[in-house]
Protein backbone atom coordinates (compact mmCIF):
# COMPACT_ATOMS: atom_id res chain seq x y z
CA UNK A 1 26.73 -7.88 15.24
CA UNK A 2 25.99 -9.48 11.90
CA UNK A 3 28.00 -8.49 8.83
CA UNK A 4 25.61 -7.24 6.19
CA UNK A 5 26.70 -6.54 2.65
CA UNK A 6 25.08 -4.39 -0.03
CA UNK A 7 22.87 -7.20 -1.30
CA UNK A 8 21.61 -7.93 2.22
CA UNK A 9 20.80 -4.20 2.56
CA UNK A 10 18.85 -4.35 -0.71
CA UNK A 11 16.95 -7.42 0.51
CA UNK A 12 16.07 -5.68 3.78
CA UNK A 13 14.94 -2.55 1.95
CA UNK A 14 12.72 -4.60 -0.36
CA UNK A 15 11.25 -6.55 2.54
CA UNK A 16 10.53 -3.30 4.44
CA UNK A 17 8.69 -2.08 1.35
CA UNK A 18 6.76 -5.33 0.81
CA UNK A 19 7.44 -8.35 3.01
CA UNK A 20 4.76 -10.38 1.22
CA UNK A 21 6.37 -10.27 -2.20
CA UNK A 22 7.23 -13.70 -3.58
CA UNK A 23 10.85 -14.81 -3.30
CA UNK A 24 11.10 -14.92 -7.11
CA UNK A 25 10.24 -11.19 -7.35
CA UNK A 26 12.54 -10.34 -4.42
CA UNK A 27 15.40 -12.22 -6.07
CA UNK A 28 14.78 -10.43 -9.34
CA UNK A 29 14.78 -7.01 -7.65
CA UNK A 30 18.12 -7.62 -5.88
CA UNK A 31 19.82 -9.44 -8.76
CA UNK A 32 20.09 -12.95 -7.31
CA UNK A 33 18.83 -16.38 -8.22
CA UNK A 34 15.73 -17.37 -6.22
CA UNK A 35 17.65 -20.05 -4.28
CA UNK A 36 20.51 -17.67 -3.37
CA UNK A 37 18.01 -15.00 -2.32
CA UNK A 38 16.07 -17.44 -0.14
CA UNK A 39 19.29 -18.58 1.54
CA UNK A 40 20.20 -14.97 2.34
CA UNK A 41 16.74 -14.21 3.75
CA UNK A 42 16.86 -17.36 5.89
CA UNK A 43 20.33 -16.40 7.16
CA UNK A 44 19.10 -12.90 8.04
CA UNK A 45 16.24 -14.54 9.96
CA UNK A 46 18.56 -17.01 11.76
CA UNK A 47 20.93 -14.17 12.71
CA UNK A 48 18.02 -12.23 14.19
CA UNK A 49 18.35 -9.31 11.77
CA UNK A 50 14.84 -10.13 10.53
CA UNK A 51 12.87 -10.71 13.70
CA UNK A 52 9.49 -11.32 12.13
CA UNK A 53 6.86 -10.22 9.67
CA UNK A 54 3.69 -8.40 10.56
CA UNK A 55 0.68 -6.70 9.10
CA UNK A 56 0.70 -2.90 9.13
CA UNK A 57 -2.76 -1.93 10.33
CA UNK A 58 -4.46 1.40 9.81
CA UNK A 59 -5.84 1.75 13.33
CA UNK A 60 -8.05 4.66 12.28
CA UNK A 61 -10.03 2.11 10.25
CA UNK A 62 -10.64 0.31 13.55
CA UNK A 63 -11.81 3.41 15.36
CA UNK A 64 -8.48 4.50 16.85
CA UNK A 65 -7.89 7.69 14.88
CA UNK A 66 -6.56 9.85 17.73
CA UNK A 67 -2.82 9.62 18.27
CA UNK A 68 -0.77 11.15 21.07
CA UNK A 69 2.56 10.68 22.78
CA UNK A 70 2.87 11.05 26.54
CA UNK A 71 6.11 11.70 28.39
CA UNK A 72 5.73 10.03 31.79
CA UNK A 73 7.73 10.76 34.93
CA UNK A 74 7.79 8.27 37.80
CA UNK A 75 7.90 8.95 41.53
CA UNK A 76 10.96 6.75 42.04
CA UNK A 77 13.87 5.87 39.79
CA UNK A 78 14.00 2.34 41.15
CA UNK A 79 13.91 -0.88 39.20
CA UNK A 80 10.79 -1.95 41.12
CA UNK A 81 8.96 1.24 40.17
CA UNK A 82 9.86 0.85 36.51
CA UNK A 83 8.87 -2.82 36.45
CA UNK A 84 5.51 -2.06 38.08
CA UNK A 85 4.84 0.70 35.55
CA UNK A 86 5.82 -1.52 32.62
CA UNK A 87 3.56 -4.34 33.88
CA UNK A 88 0.65 -1.92 34.15
CA UNK A 89 0.98 -0.48 30.65
CA UNK A 90 1.67 -3.89 29.08
CA UNK A 91 -1.99 -4.78 29.63
CA UNK A 92 -3.36 -1.46 28.43
CA UNK A 93 -4.61 -1.61 24.81
CA UNK A 94 -4.40 2.16 24.35
CA UNK A 95 -0.61 2.01 24.78
CA UNK A 96 0.82 0.73 21.50
CA UNK A 97 4.44 1.63 22.27
CA UNK A 98 6.29 2.08 25.56
CA UNK A 99 9.87 3.36 25.50
CA UNK A 100 12.15 3.77 28.55
CA UNK A 101 14.06 6.95 27.74
CA UNK A 102 16.75 9.25 29.12
CA UNK A 103 16.16 12.83 30.16
CA UNK A 104 13.82 14.47 32.64
CA UNK A 105 11.20 11.68 32.44
CA UNK A 106 11.40 7.90 32.36
CA UNK A 107 8.98 6.87 29.59
CA UNK A 108 7.54 7.90 26.27
CA UNK A 109 4.25 6.25 25.35
CA UNK A 110 2.45 6.14 22.01
CA UNK A 111 -1.30 6.21 22.64
CA UNK A 112 -3.95 5.36 20.04
CA UNK A 113 -7.63 5.83 20.91
CA UNK A 114 -10.86 6.76 19.14
CA UNK A 115 -11.07 10.44 20.01
CA UNK A 116 -10.25 13.17 22.53
CA UNK A 117 -12.95 11.93 24.92
CA UNK A 118 -11.39 8.44 24.98
CA UNK A 119 -7.97 10.04 25.44
CA UNK A 120 -9.16 12.06 28.43
CA UNK A 121 -10.61 8.91 30.01
CA UNK A 122 -7.32 7.04 29.47
CA UNK A 123 -5.24 9.98 30.71
CA UNK A 124 -7.29 10.44 33.88
CA UNK A 125 -8.63 7.01 34.79
CA UNK A 126 -5.88 4.71 33.59
CA UNK A 127 -2.49 6.39 33.36
CA UNK A 128 -3.18 9.07 35.96
CA UNK A 129 -4.38 6.42 38.42
CA UNK A 130 -1.08 4.52 38.45
CA UNK A 131 0.69 5.10 41.78
CA UNK A 132 4.16 5.36 40.18
CA UNK A 133 3.18 8.23 37.84
CA UNK A 134 4.03 11.76 39.01
CA UNK A 135 4.05 13.69 35.74
CA UNK A 136 2.51 13.41 32.30
CA UNK A 137 3.08 15.67 29.32
CA UNK A 138 0.92 15.04 26.26
CA UNK A 139 1.86 15.65 22.65
CA UNK A 140 -1.14 15.34 20.32
CA UNK A 141 -0.24 14.31 16.77
CA UNK A 142 -1.88 16.57 14.18
CA UNK A 143 -0.49 14.85 11.09
CA UNK A 144 2.15 12.28 10.14
CA UNK A 145 4.37 12.98 7.14
CA UNK A 146 6.61 9.91 7.60
CA UNK A 147 6.13 6.65 9.48
CA UNK A 148 8.35 3.69 8.65
CA UNK A 149 7.36 1.45 11.53
CA UNK A 150 6.26 -1.85 10.15
């Protein structure tokens, strides 16, 4: 585990808010010189605290305005069954997140598609057709009040 001080926390908070801000502005916001700020950011990157930078995309602008989560139960609790399931969903564009979880089911998936018709097709023809899947419980998202994924 990396030791992070208050200034590092401020840097991370600022980068979560706007990772594209120039180093000079970032340094100003956290009270460091630009060179000291850059060194800290580079150290956070080297330590793996900052794993990368990415664009946050509004998928509804691309025609994927329907969002649902699906809790998925598998027929077997074996490593082979889990690996086969993970390989299958890795190549499925509708699945934007796949989490192996504890509880009564093995996985929680975040699904983004155009509409309910596209969701039904995915649910029936893609996910429901996987031999490892024995149960699926859908949770349709009506609205999102907070989303800090970046």
